[in-house]
Structures are given as C-alpha cells and as structure tokens.
Amino acid sequence: MKLRRKNGFTLIELLVVIAILGTVAAVAVPNVLKFIGTGNDAAAKQELLNVAAATAAALASEPPVDPTIDDAQIIAGVGVGKFMVQNTEFKYTIDSAGNITQGGRVS
C-alpha cells in the first residue's frame, strides 16, 4: 500500500506565519505613519517659505503690490500670486502688514 503525501500546511505552520506577519505589521505601521506626517510638515514649512519670499518680492517691487492674497490671485497670477512659483497646497492669510498665518489644507 502506497502512502499518499499530504499537500498543504498544518494549522501550526499557518498560525506561526500569521503571528510573524502581525509582529512585522505592528512594528512597521507606526513608523510609516510617522514618516508620512513628517513629510506633510516639511511640505508645509517649505511652502510657507515660498509664500514669504513671494510676499517679500511683491513688497519690494515697483510699484509695491498689496500683500493681501487669496486663492484667486494665486491662480490668476496677480498681486502676490505673480511672484509664486506654484500653487499652494495649504491656506495662508497675509495681512496688510505682511504677516503670514498658515491655515489648513486646500481642499
């Protein structure tokens, strides 16, 4: 009588693999989320520097441009918007004194 070889994995083998994958996921997911948050912070800071540089260029231009800004000016490329390198990902408020306040994401 020939013995048939069983194909497949035992329950113990499957449980060991699931435990290993769970451990790897528990270690990896928080680190990935931390890097995503760090990237968003860096993007916001860099964008804020670009807005500040555009505001300074607008104030130094002849004749000086009113430093107040909104989304329409950035899109149309007028006022401070004509000094912007690219559209912003976050919202900013620039008052008449040139003070810049960063808001939330543009939706």
Protein backbone atom coordinates (compact mmCIF):
# COMPACT_ATOMS: atom_id res chain seq x y z
CA MET A 1 0.00 0.00 0.00
CA LYS A 2 1.36 3.37 -1.05
CA LEU A 3 1.32 6.29 1.35
CA ARG A 4 -0.03 9.48 -0.15
CA ARG A 5 1.86 12.62 0.59
CA LYS A 6 -0.31 15.33 2.07
CA ASN A 7 -0.27 18.69 0.33
CA GLY A 8 -0.73 21.95 2.19
CA PHE A 9 0.25 23.46 5.51
CA THR A 10 -0.60 22.44 9.05
CA LEU A 11 -2.57 24.68 11.36
CA ILE A 12 0.53 25.33 13.47
CA GLU A 13 2.51 26.50 10.44
CA LEU A 14 -0.26 28.89 9.42
CA LEU A 15 -0.54 30.31 12.95
CA VAL A 16 3.21 30.88 13.14
CA VAL A 17 3.18 32.77 9.82
CA ILE A 18 0.21 34.89 10.94
CA ALA A 19 1.97 35.71 14.22
CA ILE A 20 5.13 36.76 12.38
CA LEU A 21 3.17 38.95 9.93
CA GLY A 22 1.27 40.55 12.82
CA THR A 23 4.51 41.38 14.61
CA VAL A 24 6.05 42.90 11.48
CA ALA A 25 2.90 44.98 10.86
CA ALA A 26 2.83 46.19 14.48
CA VAL A 27 6.39 47.46 14.13
CA ALA A 28 6.17 48.86 10.58
CA VAL A 29 2.83 50.72 10.54
CA PRO A 30 3.65 53.34 13.24
CA ASN A 31 6.98 54.09 11.55
CA VAL A 32 5.36 54.55 8.14
CA LEU A 33 2.70 56.85 9.62
CA LYS A 34 5.43 58.89 11.34
CA PHE A 35 7.23 59.41 8.02
CA ILE A 36 4.02 60.47 6.29
CA GLY A 37 3.37 63.08 8.99
CA THR A 38 6.96 64.32 8.81
CA GLY A 39 6.67 64.75 5.04
CA ASN A 40 3.49 66.83 5.39
CA ASP A 41 5.16 69.06 7.99
CA ALA A 42 8.20 69.59 5.79
CA ALA A 43 6.00 70.40 2.78
CA ALA A 44 4.02 72.95 4.78
CA LYS A 45 7.18 74.63 6.10
CA GLN A 46 8.73 74.81 2.63
CA GLU A 47 5.54 76.19 1.16
CA LEU A 48 5.38 78.82 3.91
CA LEU A 49 8.91 79.92 2.99
CA ASN A 50 7.84 80.22 -0.66
CA VAL A 51 4.83 82.36 0.32
CA ALA A 52 7.08 84.56 2.48
CA ALA A 53 9.56 85.00 -0.38
CA ALA A 54 6.76 85.87 -2.80
CA THR A 55 5.37 88.40 -0.33
CA ALA A 56 8.80 90.00 0.12
CA ALA A 57 9.23 90.18 -3.67
CA ALA A 58 5.79 91.75 -4.04
CA LEU A 59 6.54 94.37 -1.39
CA ALA A 60 9.92 95.16 -2.97
CA SER A 61 8.53 95.53 -6.50
CA GLU A 62 7.95 98.89 -8.15
CA PRO A 63 5.21 99.87 -7.56
CA PRO A 64 4.73 97.80 -4.41
CA VAL A 65 1.96 95.21 -4.59
CA ASP A 66 -0.68 94.96 -1.86
CA PRO A 67 0.49 91.98 0.23
CA THR A 68 -3.01 90.60 0.84
CA ILE A 69 -3.56 87.36 -1.05
CA ASP A 70 -6.29 84.87 -1.82
CA ASP A 71 -6.65 81.74 -3.96
CA ALA A 72 -7.97 83.69 -6.95
CA GLN A 73 -4.85 85.90 -7.03
CA ILE A 74 -2.55 82.88 -6.94
CA ILE A 75 -4.44 81.14 -9.75
CA ALA A 76 -4.68 84.32 -11.86
CA GLY A 77 -1.05 85.25 -11.19
CA VAL A 78 -1.83 88.78 -9.98
CA GLY A 79 -0.67 90.61 -6.86
CA VAL A 80 1.50 88.37 -4.71
CA GLY A 81 0.32 85.47 -6.89
CA LYS A 82 2.52 86.61 -9.78
CA PHE A 83 5.57 86.03 -7.58
CA MET A 84 4.52 82.48 -6.60
CA VAL A 85 6.44 79.61 -8.17
CA GLN A 86 3.49 77.21 -7.88
CA ASN A 87 0.02 77.00 -6.39
CA THR A 88 -0.11 76.34 -2.68
CA GLU A 89 -1.30 73.13 -1.03
CA PHE A 90 -2.16 74.87 2.24
CA LYS A 91 -4.17 78.02 3.02
CA TYR A 92 -2.37 81.21 4.07
CA THR A 93 -3.55 84.58 5.30
CA ILE A 94 -1.36 87.60 4.64
CA ASP A 95 -2.46 90.84 6.27
CA SER A 96 -1.64 94.38 5.10
CA ALA A 97 1.47 94.43 7.33
CA GLY A 98 2.83 91.36 5.54
CA ASN A 99 2.29 88.93 8.45
CA ILE A 100 1.68 85.38 7.19
CA THR A 101 -0.56 82.91 9.02
CA GLN A 102 -0.79 79.30 7.86
CA GLY A 103 -4.16 77.55 7.85
CA GLY A 104 -5.32 74.06 6.88
CA ARG A 105 -5.04 72.16 3.60
CA VAL A 106 -6.67 73.48 0.45
CA SER A 107 -9.47 71.05 -0.39
